[in-house]
Protein backbone atom coordinates (compact mmCIF):
# COMPACT_ATOMS: atom_id res chain seq x y z
CA UNK A 1 2.23 -38.25 -32.28
CA UNK A 2 -0.56 -40.20 -34.29
CA UNK A 3 0.10 -38.43 -38.41
CA UNK A 4 -2.90 -39.48 -40.75
CA UNK A 5 -2.19 -38.92 -44.90
CA UNK A 6 -4.15 -36.51 -45.80
CA UNK A 7 -3.75 -37.09 -49.30
CA UNK A 8 -5.45 -41.13 -48.58
CA UNK A 9 -7.52 -40.60 -46.67
CA UNK A 10 -9.45 -37.62 -48.90
CA UNK A 11 -10.14 -40.74 -50.77
CA UNK A 12 -11.65 -43.31 -48.11
CA UNK A 13 -15.04 -43.42 -46.58
CA UNK A 14 -15.05 -40.96 -43.97
CA UNK A 15 -16.29 -43.77 -41.39
CA UNK A 16 -12.90 -45.56 -42.66
CA UNK A 17 -10.69 -42.52 -41.83
CA UNK A 18 -12.95 -41.97 -37.81
CA UNK A 19 -11.39 -45.52 -37.86
CA UNK A 20 -7.52 -45.09 -38.73
CA UNK A 21 -7.78 -42.06 -36.26
CA UNK A 22 -9.89 -44.04 -33.35
CA UNK A 23 -7.37 -47.53 -33.91
CA UNK A 24 -4.47 -45.07 -34.00
CA UNK A 25 -5.29 -43.61 -30.48
CA UNK A 26 -5.59 -46.89 -29.04
CA UNK A 27 -1.89 -47.78 -29.44
CA UNK A 28 -0.63 -44.61 -28.40
CA UNK A 29 -2.85 -45.04 -24.99
CA UNK A 30 -1.48 -48.49 -25.20
CA UNK A 31 1.69 -46.78 -25.57
CA UNK A 32 0.57 -45.09 -22.60
CA UNK A 33 -0.40 -47.81 -20.63
CA UNK A 34 2.79 -49.52 -21.08
CA UNK A 35 4.90 -46.90 -20.21
CA UNK A 36 3.38 -45.59 -17.45
CA UNK A 37 5.37 -45.62 -14.89
CA UNK A 38 2.37 -46.03 -12.23
CA UNK A 39 -0.79 -48.12 -13.32
CA UNK A 40 -4.19 -46.36 -11.66
CA UNK A 41 -7.02 -48.55 -12.46
CA UNK A 42 -8.46 -51.88 -12.32
CA UNK A 43 -9.20 -51.20 -16.07
CA UNK A 44 -5.36 -50.41 -16.67
CA UNK A 45 -3.84 -53.48 -14.78
CA UNK A 46 -5.99 -55.97 -16.78
CA UNK A 47 -4.68 -54.43 -20.21
CA UNK A 48 -1.06 -55.06 -18.46
CA UNK A 49 -1.74 -58.52 -18.42
CA UNK A 50 -3.70 -59.29 -21.36
CA UNK A 51 -0.92 -57.79 -22.96
CA UNK A 52 1.90 -59.49 -20.80
CA UNK A 53 0.21 -62.32 -21.88
CA UNK A 54 0.12 -61.94 -25.45
CA UNK A 55 4.13 -60.83 -25.02
CA UNK A 56 4.32 -64.12 -23.25
CA UNK A 57 4.10 -65.80 -26.43
CA UNK A 58 7.05 -64.26 -28.47
CA UNK A 59 4.43 -61.78 -30.50
CA UNK A 60 6.10 -59.21 -32.27
CA UNK A 61 5.39 -55.79 -31.24
CA UNK A 62 2.92 -54.46 -33.38
CA UNK A 63 1.33 -58.38 -33.84
CA UNK A 64 1.34 -58.01 -29.71
CA UNK A 65 -0.28 -54.98 -29.64
CA UNK A 66 -3.43 -55.84 -32.53
CA UNK A 67 -3.60 -58.97 -30.40
CA UNK A 68 -4.87 -57.44 -27.57
CA UNK A 69 -6.92 -54.64 -29.57
CA UNK A 70 -9.20 -57.27 -30.60
CA UNK A 71 -9.68 -59.03 -27.62
CA UNK A 72 -9.71 -56.01 -26.06
CA UNK A 73 -11.51 -53.00 -28.08
CA UNK A 74 -13.68 -54.19 -31.59
CA UNK A 75 -16.83 -53.83 -29.45
CA UNK A 76 -15.62 -50.75 -27.92
CA UNK A 77 -14.88 -49.39 -31.75
CA UNK A 78 -17.25 -50.45 -32.74
CA UNK A 79 -19.68 -48.95 -30.26
CA UNK A 80 -17.75 -46.15 -30.85
CA UNK A 81 -17.66 -45.42 -34.48
CA UNK A 82 -21.38 -46.00 -34.10
CA UNK A 83 -22.00 -43.63 -32.12
CA UNK A 84 -19.69 -41.14 -34.45
CA UNK A 85 -21.79 -42.31 -37.31
CA UNK A 86 -24.63 -41.69 -36.14
CA UNK A 87 -23.51 -38.42 -34.12
CA UNK A 88 -20.58 -36.53 -36.78
CA UNK A 89 -21.77 -38.17 -39.41
CA UNK A 90 -25.41 -37.59 -39.70
CA UNK A 91 -26.71 -36.97 -43.41
CA UNK A 92 -23.82 -40.39 -44.05
CA UNK A 93 -25.59 -42.19 -41.30
CA UNK A 94 -29.40 -41.58 -42.84
CA UNK A 95 -28.09 -42.01 -46.38
CA UNK A 96 -27.34 -45.35 -45.64
CA UNK A 97 -30.95 -45.73 -44.26
CA UNK A 98 -32.00 -44.43 -47.44
CA UNK A 99 -30.23 -46.63 -49.07
CA UNK A 100 -30.61 -50.26 -46.98
CA UNK A 101 -33.62 -49.07 -45.43
CA UNK A 102 -32.51 -49.94 -41.93
CA UNK A 103 -30.48 -48.92 -40.33
CA UNK A 104 -26.52 -50.18 -39.57
CA UNK A 105 -26.24 -52.79 -37.57
CA UNK A 106 -24.70 -53.76 -34.44
CA UNK A 107 -22.30 -55.95 -36.84
CA UNK A 108 -21.88 -53.32 -39.73
CA UNK A 109 -19.26 -51.12 -36.84
CA UNK A 110 -18.20 -54.73 -35.84
CA UNK A 111 -16.46 -55.09 -39.54
CA UNK A 112 -15.01 -51.83 -39.31
CA UNK A 113 -13.46 -52.69 -36.12
CA UNK A 114 -11.78 -55.11 -37.89
CA UNK A 115 -10.29 -53.92 -40.60
CA UNK A 116 -6.56 -53.55 -39.85
CA UNK A 117 -7.09 -56.13 -37.44
CA UNK A 118 -8.60 -59.32 -39.36
CA UNK A 119 -5.49 -59.13 -41.76
CA UNK A 120 -3.02 -59.74 -39.57
CA UNK A 121 -3.25 -62.73 -38.42
CA UNK A 122 -4.29 -61.95 -35.60
CA UNK A 123 -6.57 -64.78 -32.61
CA UNK A 124 -9.45 -63.33 -31.75
CA UNK A 125 -10.57 -63.44 -35.91
CA UNK A 126 -9.00 -67.03 -36.11
CA UNK A 127 -11.48 -67.02 -33.26
CA UNK A 128 -14.60 -66.66 -34.22
CA UNK A 129 -16.90 -69.12 -36.00
CA UNK A 130 -17.23 -68.97 -40.08
CA UNK A 131 -20.81 -68.36 -39.46
CA UNK A 132 -19.44 -64.91 -36.76
CA UNK A 133 -16.76 -64.09 -40.25
CA UNK A 134 -19.27 -64.67 -43.06
CA UNK A 135 -21.60 -62.35 -40.93
CA UNK A 136 -19.10 -59.35 -40.55
CA UNK A 137 -17.73 -59.73 -44.40
CA UNK A 138 -21.12 -59.59 -45.78
CA UNK A 139 -21.65 -55.67 -43.68
CA UNK A 140 -18.07 -54.72 -44.88
CA UNK A 141 -19.39 -54.76 -47.70
CA UNK A 142 -21.48 -52.19 -47.92
CA UNK A 143 -19.11 -50.12 -46.50
CA UNK A 144 -18.28 -49.11 -50.25
CA UNK A 145 -21.72 -46.98 -50.31
CA UNK A 146 -20.87 -44.90 -47.56
CA UNK A 147 -19.04 -41.12 -48.20
CA UNK A 148 -16.15 -40.82 -49.90
CA UNK A 149 -14.97 -37.28 -49.41
CA UNK A 150 -12.55 -36.96 -46.10
CA UNK A 151 -11.82 -33.45 -46.16
């Protein structure tokens, strides 16, 4: 079960709350895949191999989840957040365009996807080049102008 503190959520940007939900849903899906008696498809088998790779390096459980998430899901999270922003939070998306004069780029959504992962000392973040990290940090600064009312 995933629980989100609505008292805290109402003071965060709407897209950030969506990111938190997505992040926690991925944790739940990881647990489902890890506890499944039978792997159903190639994607689940590949996930299990990557997860076991991190687990074998003696990461603690939450670190293993975040390592796996960073390795396998950041790009997909970014795509999902972009789609959600454009379609479910379209006024927020349009406000961003009006403010910056251009739509958010893919690095903007990638920066959002890295939240909750990059500060956890994950290897995938360490493996990024300084230029990639700087671009993500610059785009991350733009998150502050988004809607902060998430009801």
